N, C-alpha and C. Protein backbone atom coordinates (compact mmCIF):
# COMPACT_ATOMS: atom_id res chain seq x y z
N MET A 1 0.86 -1.13 -0.02
CA MET A 1 -0.01 0.05 -0.05
C MET A 1 0.83 1.28 0.00
N PHE A 2 0.36 2.33 -0.57
CA PHE A 2 1.11 3.58 -0.59
C PHE A 2 0.14 4.75 -0.67
N ASN A 3 0.51 5.94 -0.36
CA ASN A 3 -0.31 7.08 -0.46
C ASN A 3 -0.57 7.36 -1.90
N ARG A 4 -1.82 7.50 -2.34
CA ARG A 4 -2.18 7.64 -3.67
C ARG A 4 -2.14 9.08 -4.13
N TYR A 5 -1.93 10.08 -3.26
CA TYR A 5 -1.87 11.45 -3.75
C TYR A 5 -0.47 11.83 -4.20
N GLY A 6 -0.45 12.65 -5.24
CA GLY A 6 0.85 13.08 -5.74
C GLY A 6 0.78 14.60 -5.97
N TRP A 7 0.73 14.94 -7.28
CA TRP A 7 0.71 16.32 -7.69
C TRP A 7 -0.69 16.85 -7.68
N ALA A 8 -0.84 18.19 -7.64
CA ALA A 8 -2.14 18.85 -7.72
C ALA A 8 -2.06 20.11 -8.50
N ILE A 9 -3.23 20.58 -9.01
CA ILE A 9 -3.30 21.83 -9.62
C ILE A 9 -3.85 22.82 -8.60
N VAL A 10 -3.14 23.91 -8.38
CA VAL A 10 -3.61 24.90 -7.43
C VAL A 10 -4.92 25.52 -7.93
N GLY A 11 -5.90 25.55 -7.02
CA GLY A 11 -7.24 26.09 -7.39
C GLY A 11 -8.12 25.08 -7.89
N ALA A 12 -7.70 23.85 -8.00
CA ALA A 12 -8.56 22.70 -8.44
C ALA A 12 -8.20 21.50 -7.59
N SER A 13 -8.76 21.49 -6.37
CA SER A 13 -8.39 20.44 -5.45
C SER A 13 -8.70 19.04 -5.92
N TRP A 14 -9.65 18.94 -6.89
CA TRP A 14 -9.95 17.63 -7.43
C TRP A 14 -8.91 17.03 -8.36
N ALA A 15 -8.03 17.91 -8.84
CA ALA A 15 -7.01 17.55 -9.87
C ALA A 15 -5.70 17.05 -9.18
N THR A 16 -5.70 15.85 -8.66
CA THR A 16 -4.58 15.27 -8.08
C THR A 16 -4.19 13.99 -8.88
N GLY A 17 -2.91 13.72 -8.87
CA GLY A 17 -2.49 12.45 -9.50
C GLY A 17 -0.97 12.26 -9.42
N ASN A 18 -0.60 10.98 -9.87
CA ASN A 18 0.81 10.64 -9.89
C ASN A 18 1.51 11.49 -10.96
N GLN A 19 0.89 11.69 -12.05
CA GLN A 19 1.40 12.56 -13.13
C GLN A 19 0.31 13.44 -13.70
N ILE A 20 0.64 14.68 -13.99
CA ILE A 20 -0.36 15.63 -14.59
C ILE A 20 0.37 16.34 -15.73
N VAL A 21 -0.26 16.37 -16.90
CA VAL A 21 0.22 17.21 -17.96
C VAL A 21 -1.00 17.99 -18.51
N HIS A 22 -0.68 19.12 -19.09
CA HIS A 22 -1.73 19.91 -19.69
C HIS A 22 -1.25 20.91 -20.76
N ASP A 23 -2.22 21.35 -21.54
CA ASP A 23 -1.97 22.40 -22.51
C ASP A 23 -2.80 23.58 -21.97
N ASP A 24 -3.09 24.54 -22.85
CA ASP A 24 -3.94 25.69 -22.35
C ASP A 24 -5.39 25.32 -22.12
N LYS A 25 -5.87 24.24 -22.72
CA LYS A 25 -7.28 23.95 -22.64
C LYS A 25 -7.62 22.65 -21.86
N GLN A 26 -6.74 21.68 -21.98
CA GLN A 26 -7.03 20.36 -21.40
C GLN A 26 -6.07 19.92 -20.36
N LEU A 27 -6.47 19.20 -19.42
CA LEU A 27 -5.70 18.68 -18.30
C LEU A 27 -5.78 17.14 -18.40
N TYR A 28 -4.65 16.42 -18.26
CA TYR A 28 -4.62 14.97 -18.27
C TYR A 28 -3.98 14.45 -16.96
N ILE A 29 -4.64 13.53 -16.34
CA ILE A 29 -4.24 13.10 -14.99
C ILE A 29 -4.13 11.59 -15.04
N SER A 30 -3.05 11.07 -14.48
CA SER A 30 -2.92 9.61 -14.21
C SER A 30 -2.92 9.48 -12.70
N ARG A 31 -3.84 8.69 -12.20
CA ARG A 31 -3.86 8.57 -10.71
C ARG A 31 -4.46 7.19 -10.29
N ALA A 32 -4.18 6.83 -9.07
CA ALA A 32 -4.70 5.64 -8.56
C ALA A 32 -6.24 5.67 -8.48
N THR A 33 -6.92 4.60 -8.79
CA THR A 33 -8.37 4.54 -8.70
C THR A 33 -8.75 4.76 -7.22
N LYS A 34 -9.75 5.56 -7.06
CA LYS A 34 -10.26 5.82 -5.71
C LYS A 34 -10.60 4.56 -4.88
N ASN A 35 -10.18 4.50 -3.68
CA ASN A 35 -10.52 3.43 -2.82
C ASN A 35 -11.43 4.02 -1.75
N PHE A 36 -12.65 3.71 -1.75
CA PHE A 36 -13.59 4.35 -0.94
C PHE A 36 -13.55 3.81 0.60
N HIS A 37 -12.80 2.81 0.81
CA HIS A 37 -12.66 2.34 2.20
C HIS A 37 -11.75 3.23 3.04
N ARG A 38 -10.68 3.71 2.44
CA ARG A 38 -9.66 4.62 3.03
C ARG A 38 -9.27 5.53 1.98
N SER A 39 -9.52 6.77 2.16
CA SER A 39 -9.34 7.79 1.06
C SER A 39 -7.92 7.98 0.61
N SER A 40 -6.89 7.80 1.38
CA SER A 40 -5.57 8.10 0.91
C SER A 40 -4.67 6.92 0.64
N VAL A 41 -5.19 5.75 0.91
CA VAL A 41 -4.40 4.50 0.80
C VAL A 41 -4.84 3.70 -0.49
N PHE A 42 -3.90 3.32 -1.22
CA PHE A 42 -4.13 2.54 -2.43
C PHE A 42 -3.49 1.14 -2.28
N VAL A 43 -4.23 0.10 -2.78
CA VAL A 43 -3.67 -1.25 -2.72
C VAL A 43 -3.27 -1.59 -4.14
N ALA A 44 -1.98 -1.93 -4.36
CA ALA A 44 -1.44 -2.25 -5.64
C ALA A 44 -2.35 -3.40 -6.34
N GLY A 45 -2.57 -3.20 -7.59
CA GLY A 45 -3.46 -4.16 -8.35
C GLY A 45 -4.88 -3.67 -8.44
N SER A 46 -5.19 -2.52 -7.75
CA SER A 46 -6.60 -2.01 -7.79
C SER A 46 -6.89 -1.14 -9.02
N GLY A 47 -5.89 -0.74 -9.72
CA GLY A 47 -6.07 -0.06 -10.98
C GLY A 47 -5.76 1.45 -10.87
N TYR A 48 -5.58 2.03 -12.08
CA TYR A 48 -5.25 3.46 -12.22
C TYR A 48 -6.28 4.08 -13.26
N ASP A 49 -6.54 5.30 -13.04
CA ASP A 49 -7.42 6.06 -14.00
C ASP A 49 -6.54 7.00 -14.83
N LEU A 50 -6.95 7.16 -16.03
CA LEU A 50 -6.39 8.24 -16.90
C LEU A 50 -7.54 9.09 -17.19
N ILE A 51 -7.47 10.39 -16.93
CA ILE A 51 -8.49 11.35 -16.98
C ILE A 51 -8.21 12.57 -17.87
N GLN A 52 -9.17 12.98 -18.71
CA GLN A 52 -9.02 14.25 -19.44
C GLN A 52 -10.18 15.16 -18.91
N ALA A 53 -9.79 16.34 -18.59
CA ALA A 53 -10.79 17.35 -18.18
C ALA A 53 -10.38 18.73 -18.69
N GLN A 54 -11.31 19.60 -18.61
CA GLN A 54 -11.01 20.99 -19.02
C GLN A 54 -10.09 21.62 -18.00
N PHE A 55 -9.08 22.38 -18.46
CA PHE A 55 -8.21 23.08 -17.59
C PHE A 55 -9.00 24.09 -16.83
N PRO A 56 -8.81 24.25 -15.51
CA PRO A 56 -9.55 25.25 -14.75
C PRO A 56 -9.38 26.64 -15.34
N ASP A 57 -10.48 27.37 -15.25
CA ASP A 57 -10.47 28.70 -15.77
C ASP A 57 -9.67 29.61 -14.86
N LYS A 58 -8.66 30.24 -15.32
CA LYS A 58 -7.76 31.03 -14.46
C LYS A 58 -8.42 32.31 -14.02
N THR A 59 -9.54 32.70 -14.61
CA THR A 59 -10.21 33.92 -14.18
C THR A 59 -11.35 33.63 -13.16
N GLU A 60 -11.63 32.33 -12.92
CA GLU A 60 -12.67 31.99 -12.00
C GLU A 60 -12.33 32.46 -10.54
N THR A 61 -13.30 33.10 -9.96
CA THR A 61 -13.09 33.51 -8.55
C THR A 61 -13.38 32.29 -7.65
N PHE A 62 -12.55 32.19 -6.61
CA PHE A 62 -12.69 31.11 -5.70
C PHE A 62 -13.64 31.49 -4.53
N ALA A 63 -14.34 30.48 -3.98
CA ALA A 63 -15.21 30.76 -2.93
C ALA A 63 -14.43 30.90 -1.61
N GLN A 64 -13.77 32.02 -1.48
CA GLN A 64 -12.79 32.20 -0.38
C GLN A 64 -13.47 32.29 0.96
N PHE A 65 -14.70 32.68 1.03
CA PHE A 65 -15.33 32.84 2.35
C PHE A 65 -16.35 31.78 2.61
N ASP A 66 -16.44 30.84 1.75
CA ASP A 66 -17.39 29.69 1.98
C ASP A 66 -16.71 28.75 2.98
N LYS A 67 -17.50 28.18 3.90
CA LYS A 67 -16.92 27.31 4.95
C LYS A 67 -16.27 26.11 4.30
N ASN A 68 -16.55 25.72 3.12
CA ASN A 68 -15.93 24.57 2.48
C ASN A 68 -14.89 25.03 1.42
N ALA A 69 -14.44 26.27 1.52
CA ALA A 69 -13.57 26.83 0.46
C ALA A 69 -12.16 26.29 0.48
N PHE A 70 -11.72 25.81 1.64
CA PHE A 70 -10.33 25.32 1.75
C PHE A 70 -10.31 23.78 1.77
N SER A 71 -9.30 23.28 1.15
CA SER A 71 -9.04 21.88 1.24
C SER A 71 -7.53 21.74 1.55
N SER A 72 -7.08 20.50 1.73
CA SER A 72 -5.69 20.32 2.05
C SER A 72 -4.75 20.67 0.84
N LEU A 73 -5.37 20.85 -0.33
CA LEU A 73 -4.58 21.11 -1.53
C LEU A 73 -4.79 22.57 -2.09
N GLY A 74 -5.50 23.41 -1.28
CA GLY A 74 -5.67 24.79 -1.78
C GLY A 74 -7.14 25.06 -1.89
N TYR A 75 -7.42 26.25 -2.48
CA TYR A 75 -8.86 26.59 -2.67
C TYR A 75 -9.59 25.58 -3.55
N ARG A 76 -10.84 25.41 -3.27
CA ARG A 76 -11.55 24.57 -4.11
C ARG A 76 -12.24 25.31 -5.20
N SER A 77 -12.27 24.77 -6.41
CA SER A 77 -12.95 25.39 -7.49
C SER A 77 -14.17 24.48 -7.78
N ARG A 78 -14.99 24.98 -8.73
CA ARG A 78 -16.22 24.12 -8.97
C ARG A 78 -15.76 22.72 -9.44
N LYS A 79 -16.56 21.79 -9.32
CA LYS A 79 -16.32 20.40 -9.73
C LYS A 79 -16.36 20.36 -11.22
N ILE A 80 -15.34 19.76 -11.85
CA ILE A 80 -15.29 19.65 -13.31
C ILE A 80 -15.56 18.16 -13.68
N THR A 81 -16.40 18.01 -14.69
CA THR A 81 -16.68 16.70 -15.12
C THR A 81 -15.66 16.24 -16.17
N ALA A 82 -15.11 15.03 -16.02
CA ALA A 82 -14.07 14.56 -16.93
C ALA A 82 -14.65 14.49 -18.34
N SER A 83 -13.93 14.82 -19.36
CA SER A 83 -14.30 14.62 -20.73
C SER A 83 -14.31 13.14 -21.07
N TRP A 84 -13.28 12.44 -20.62
CA TRP A 84 -13.15 11.01 -20.67
C TRP A 84 -12.31 10.50 -19.49
N ASN A 85 -12.55 9.28 -19.20
CA ASN A 85 -11.89 8.56 -18.15
C ASN A 85 -11.75 7.10 -18.51
N CYS A 86 -10.53 6.56 -18.37
CA CYS A 86 -10.38 5.16 -18.67
C CYS A 86 -9.40 4.53 -17.72
N LYS A 87 -9.52 3.22 -17.50
CA LYS A 87 -8.66 2.44 -16.62
C LYS A 87 -7.39 2.15 -17.41
N ILE A 88 -6.27 2.24 -16.76
CA ILE A 88 -4.98 1.88 -17.46
C ILE A 88 -4.24 0.83 -16.59
N PRO A 89 -3.53 -0.09 -17.22
CA PRO A 89 -2.90 -1.23 -16.50
C PRO A 89 -1.50 -0.86 -15.92
N ILE A 90 -1.20 0.42 -15.78
CA ILE A 90 0.12 0.82 -15.33
C ILE A 90 0.02 1.95 -14.33
N ARG A 91 1.13 2.03 -13.50
CA ARG A 91 1.26 3.20 -12.61
C ARG A 91 2.08 4.18 -13.33
N GLY A 92 1.44 5.30 -13.75
CA GLY A 92 2.14 6.33 -14.59
C GLY A 92 3.39 6.91 -13.92
N GLN A 93 4.48 6.81 -14.54
CA GLN A 93 5.74 7.38 -14.14
C GLN A 93 6.20 8.54 -14.95
N ALA A 94 5.57 8.59 -16.19
CA ALA A 94 5.96 9.76 -17.14
C ALA A 94 4.79 9.92 -18.09
N MET A 95 4.52 11.16 -18.38
CA MET A 95 3.45 11.50 -19.34
C MET A 95 3.97 12.61 -20.29
N LEU A 96 3.47 12.55 -21.50
CA LEU A 96 3.95 13.51 -22.51
C LEU A 96 2.80 13.79 -23.51
N LEU A 97 2.65 15.05 -23.88
CA LEU A 97 1.58 15.40 -24.90
C LEU A 97 2.34 15.68 -26.21
N THR A 98 1.76 15.11 -27.26
CA THR A 98 2.12 15.55 -28.67
C THR A 98 0.84 16.05 -29.25
N PRO A 99 0.85 16.66 -30.43
CA PRO A 99 -0.37 17.27 -30.98
C PRO A 99 -1.67 16.47 -30.91
N ASN A 100 -1.60 15.18 -31.23
CA ASN A 100 -2.81 14.36 -31.21
C ASN A 100 -2.78 13.16 -30.18
N THR A 101 -1.69 13.02 -29.49
CA THR A 101 -1.54 11.82 -28.68
C THR A 101 -1.05 12.14 -27.28
N LEU A 102 -1.58 11.41 -26.33
CA LEU A 102 -1.12 11.44 -24.97
C LEU A 102 -0.33 10.14 -24.69
N TRP A 103 0.90 10.28 -24.25
CA TRP A 103 1.77 9.15 -23.97
C TRP A 103 1.93 8.96 -22.48
N VAL A 104 1.80 7.75 -22.02
CA VAL A 104 1.94 7.39 -20.64
C VAL A 104 2.87 6.19 -20.50
N ALA A 105 3.91 6.30 -19.71
CA ALA A 105 4.83 5.15 -19.50
C ALA A 105 4.84 4.92 -17.97
N GLY A 106 4.99 3.63 -17.59
CA GLY A 106 5.02 3.29 -16.21
C GLY A 106 5.23 1.86 -15.93
N LEU A 107 5.00 1.54 -14.66
CA LEU A 107 5.19 0.16 -14.14
C LEU A 107 3.87 -0.63 -14.33
N PRO A 108 3.89 -1.91 -14.69
CA PRO A 108 2.62 -2.65 -14.68
C PRO A 108 1.97 -2.72 -13.37
N ASP A 109 0.62 -2.60 -13.31
CA ASP A 109 -0.09 -2.72 -12.11
C ASP A 109 -0.42 -4.17 -11.84
N GLU A 110 0.57 -4.95 -11.50
CA GLU A 110 0.46 -6.35 -11.24
C GLU A 110 1.10 -6.65 -9.92
N VAL A 111 0.53 -7.65 -9.21
CA VAL A 111 1.09 -8.04 -7.94
C VAL A 111 1.18 -9.59 -7.96
N PRO A 112 2.26 -10.14 -8.42
CA PRO A 112 2.34 -11.67 -8.44
C PRO A 112 2.44 -12.13 -7.03
N ALA A 113 1.71 -13.22 -6.72
CA ALA A 113 1.65 -13.78 -5.34
C ALA A 113 3.02 -14.10 -4.81
N ASN A 114 3.89 -14.63 -5.66
CA ASN A 114 5.20 -15.07 -5.17
C ASN A 114 6.25 -13.97 -5.17
N ALA A 115 5.92 -12.75 -5.67
CA ALA A 115 6.81 -11.68 -5.69
C ALA A 115 6.10 -10.37 -5.67
N PRO A 116 5.49 -9.92 -4.57
CA PRO A 116 4.58 -8.80 -4.54
C PRO A 116 5.20 -7.48 -4.91
N TYR A 117 6.54 -7.34 -4.78
CA TYR A 117 7.18 -6.09 -5.14
C TYR A 117 7.86 -6.13 -6.54
N ALA A 118 7.60 -7.16 -7.33
CA ALA A 118 8.25 -7.34 -8.60
C ALA A 118 8.07 -6.15 -9.52
N ALA A 119 6.90 -5.55 -9.63
CA ALA A 119 6.77 -4.40 -10.47
C ALA A 119 7.62 -3.20 -9.95
N PHE A 120 7.63 -2.97 -8.66
CA PHE A 120 8.38 -1.85 -8.16
C PHE A 120 9.91 -2.08 -8.25
N GLU A 121 10.34 -3.39 -8.29
CA GLU A 121 11.74 -3.65 -8.43
C GLU A 121 12.15 -3.71 -9.85
N GLY A 122 11.25 -3.53 -10.80
CA GLY A 122 11.64 -3.55 -12.21
C GLY A 122 11.66 -4.88 -12.91
N VAL A 123 11.29 -5.95 -12.13
CA VAL A 123 11.35 -7.34 -12.70
C VAL A 123 10.32 -7.51 -13.79
N LEU A 124 9.17 -6.76 -13.70
CA LEU A 124 8.09 -6.91 -14.70
C LEU A 124 8.24 -6.00 -15.89
N GLY A 125 9.34 -5.23 -15.96
CA GLY A 125 9.54 -4.35 -17.07
C GLY A 125 8.69 -3.09 -17.00
N GLY A 126 8.32 -2.56 -18.11
CA GLY A 126 7.50 -1.38 -18.12
C GLY A 126 6.58 -1.37 -19.37
N LYS A 127 5.77 -0.34 -19.45
CA LYS A 127 4.87 -0.21 -20.58
C LYS A 127 4.83 1.28 -21.10
N LEU A 128 4.62 1.40 -22.33
CA LEU A 128 4.43 2.71 -22.95
C LEU A 128 3.11 2.64 -23.60
N LEU A 129 2.19 3.49 -23.23
CA LEU A 129 0.88 3.48 -23.85
C LEU A 129 0.61 4.80 -24.59
N ALA A 130 -0.06 4.76 -25.72
CA ALA A 130 -0.37 5.97 -26.46
C ALA A 130 -1.94 6.07 -26.56
N PHE A 131 -2.45 7.25 -26.24
CA PHE A 131 -3.94 7.43 -26.33
C PHE A 131 -4.25 8.56 -27.25
N GLU A 132 -5.40 8.51 -27.91
CA GLU A 132 -5.88 9.65 -28.70
C GLU A 132 -6.33 10.68 -27.70
N ARG A 133 -5.82 11.88 -27.84
CA ARG A 133 -6.14 12.95 -26.85
C ARG A 133 -7.60 13.26 -26.69
N GLU A 134 -8.32 13.34 -27.80
CA GLU A 134 -9.76 13.78 -27.73
C GLU A 134 -10.71 12.65 -27.24
N THR A 135 -10.44 11.44 -27.48
CA THR A 135 -11.36 10.32 -27.19
C THR A 135 -10.87 9.44 -26.10
N GLY A 136 -9.57 9.42 -25.80
CA GLY A 136 -9.02 8.45 -24.89
C GLY A 136 -8.87 7.07 -25.39
N ASP A 137 -9.04 6.91 -26.69
CA ASP A 137 -8.91 5.52 -27.33
C ASP A 137 -7.41 5.12 -27.26
N LEU A 138 -7.17 3.88 -26.89
CA LEU A 138 -5.82 3.31 -26.93
C LEU A 138 -5.35 3.14 -28.29
N LEU A 139 -4.18 3.76 -28.68
CA LEU A 139 -3.63 3.63 -30.01
C LEU A 139 -2.48 2.68 -30.11
N SER A 140 -1.75 2.56 -28.98
CA SER A 140 -0.59 1.66 -29.00
C SER A 140 -0.24 1.24 -27.58
N ASP A 141 0.35 0.06 -27.45
CA ASP A 141 0.77 -0.59 -26.16
C ASP A 141 2.09 -1.20 -26.41
N VAL A 142 3.17 -0.63 -25.91
CA VAL A 142 4.51 -1.16 -26.16
C VAL A 142 5.06 -1.60 -24.86
N THR A 143 5.59 -2.93 -24.83
CA THR A 143 6.25 -3.44 -23.64
C THR A 143 7.68 -2.99 -23.70
N LEU A 144 8.16 -2.62 -22.49
CA LEU A 144 9.55 -2.16 -22.34
C LEU A 144 10.28 -3.18 -21.51
N ASN A 145 11.56 -3.36 -21.71
CA ASN A 145 12.36 -4.31 -20.96
C ASN A 145 12.59 -3.90 -19.54
N ALA A 146 12.51 -2.59 -19.23
CA ALA A 146 12.68 -2.05 -17.91
C ALA A 146 11.70 -0.94 -17.66
N PRO A 147 11.41 -0.65 -16.47
CA PRO A 147 10.53 0.57 -16.22
C PRO A 147 11.10 1.89 -16.65
N PRO A 148 10.29 2.79 -16.97
CA PRO A 148 10.78 4.20 -17.26
C PRO A 148 11.25 4.87 -15.98
N VAL A 149 12.22 5.76 -16.10
CA VAL A 149 12.61 6.56 -14.99
C VAL A 149 11.44 7.63 -14.75
N TRP A 150 11.46 8.29 -13.57
CA TRP A 150 10.43 9.29 -13.28
C TRP A 150 10.58 10.42 -14.36
N ASP A 151 9.50 10.76 -14.98
CA ASP A 151 9.47 11.86 -16.02
C ASP A 151 10.38 11.57 -17.18
N GLY A 152 10.58 10.27 -17.53
CA GLY A 152 11.56 9.85 -18.52
C GLY A 152 11.08 9.79 -19.96
N LEU A 153 10.14 10.61 -20.38
CA LEU A 153 9.70 10.67 -21.76
C LEU A 153 10.06 12.04 -22.39
N SER A 154 10.48 12.01 -23.65
CA SER A 154 10.74 13.20 -24.44
C SER A 154 10.41 12.92 -25.86
N VAL A 155 10.30 13.99 -26.64
CA VAL A 155 9.99 13.87 -28.04
C VAL A 155 10.85 14.88 -28.79
N ALA A 156 11.43 14.37 -29.96
CA ALA A 156 12.23 15.25 -30.79
C ALA A 156 12.32 14.56 -32.18
N ALA A 157 12.34 15.38 -33.26
CA ALA A 157 12.59 14.85 -34.58
C ALA A 157 11.66 13.66 -34.93
N SER A 158 10.38 13.75 -34.62
CA SER A 158 9.37 12.72 -34.91
C SER A 158 9.68 11.41 -34.27
N ARG A 159 10.30 11.47 -33.10
CA ARG A 159 10.66 10.26 -32.27
C ARG A 159 10.30 10.45 -30.85
N ILE A 160 9.93 9.40 -30.21
CA ILE A 160 9.68 9.45 -28.77
C ILE A 160 10.80 8.69 -28.04
N PHE A 161 11.37 9.31 -27.02
CA PHE A 161 12.49 8.73 -26.29
C PHE A 161 12.00 8.31 -24.87
N VAL A 162 12.34 7.10 -24.45
CA VAL A 162 12.00 6.59 -23.12
C VAL A 162 13.30 6.26 -22.35
N ALA A 163 13.54 7.03 -21.32
CA ALA A 163 14.66 6.67 -20.43
C ALA A 163 14.29 5.64 -19.49
N GLN A 164 15.05 4.53 -19.46
CA GLN A 164 14.66 3.40 -18.59
C GLN A 164 15.53 3.25 -17.34
N GLU A 165 15.04 2.59 -16.31
CA GLU A 165 15.80 2.46 -15.09
C GLU A 165 17.09 1.60 -15.22
N ASP A 166 17.14 0.79 -16.36
CA ASP A 166 18.36 0.06 -16.55
C ASP A 166 19.42 0.83 -17.24
N GLY A 167 19.21 2.07 -17.46
CA GLY A 167 20.25 3.01 -18.07
C GLY A 167 20.11 3.07 -19.58
N LYS A 168 19.18 2.35 -20.17
CA LYS A 168 19.01 2.44 -21.67
C LYS A 168 18.04 3.46 -22.05
N LEU A 169 18.21 3.99 -23.28
CA LEU A 169 17.36 5.01 -23.84
C LEU A 169 16.69 4.30 -25.11
N VAL A 170 15.34 4.18 -25.06
CA VAL A 170 14.59 3.57 -26.11
C VAL A 170 14.10 4.65 -27.03
N CYS A 171 14.27 4.51 -28.34
CA CYS A 171 13.85 5.51 -29.35
C CYS A 171 12.86 4.83 -30.24
N LEU A 172 11.66 5.41 -30.36
CA LEU A 172 10.62 4.89 -31.20
C LEU A 172 10.17 5.96 -32.17
N LYS A 173 9.98 5.62 -33.44
CA LYS A 173 9.54 6.59 -34.44
C LYS A 173 8.05 6.80 -34.34
N LEU A 174 7.63 8.04 -34.33
CA LEU A 174 6.29 8.43 -34.34
C LEU A 174 5.63 8.29 -35.66
N ASN A 175 4.42 7.83 -35.80
CA ASN A 175 3.68 7.77 -37.05
C ASN A 175 3.06 9.07 -37.43
């Protein structure tokens, strides 16, 4: 088990996750699926959500004097409905936006009975997933020999680069 909270967007207490990327209009979040038994504890193997929502309006006034205006992550803004939400089989370690694609790389969300820490130790390798930004449709699923390092995705010259924990750099051509 581990604490499922990670990063947050100031002014949008609902927008928390292991990884968050955004452009001027959309926000993409990778986070542990909510566990309603205990709000901040996540049990490995329970799943992860990938969410697209509208980026909070920077001109929105916050309810500063409302008794519910404060949360542990800052002012609360109005609740935003996700444009799309899908389950992903990995714990996001890196995310990257390209014009039409959202890339997510991470550890498999698997807990083998004989080796419960295998994914965290890198024994199960890693995955690189590509999603269509507007719909959340899975476009590609690539198995990696090792997990990606934290924030280990970059793009240049029509190629995506994945830095792995084993010290190797994987280069894939974008279509």
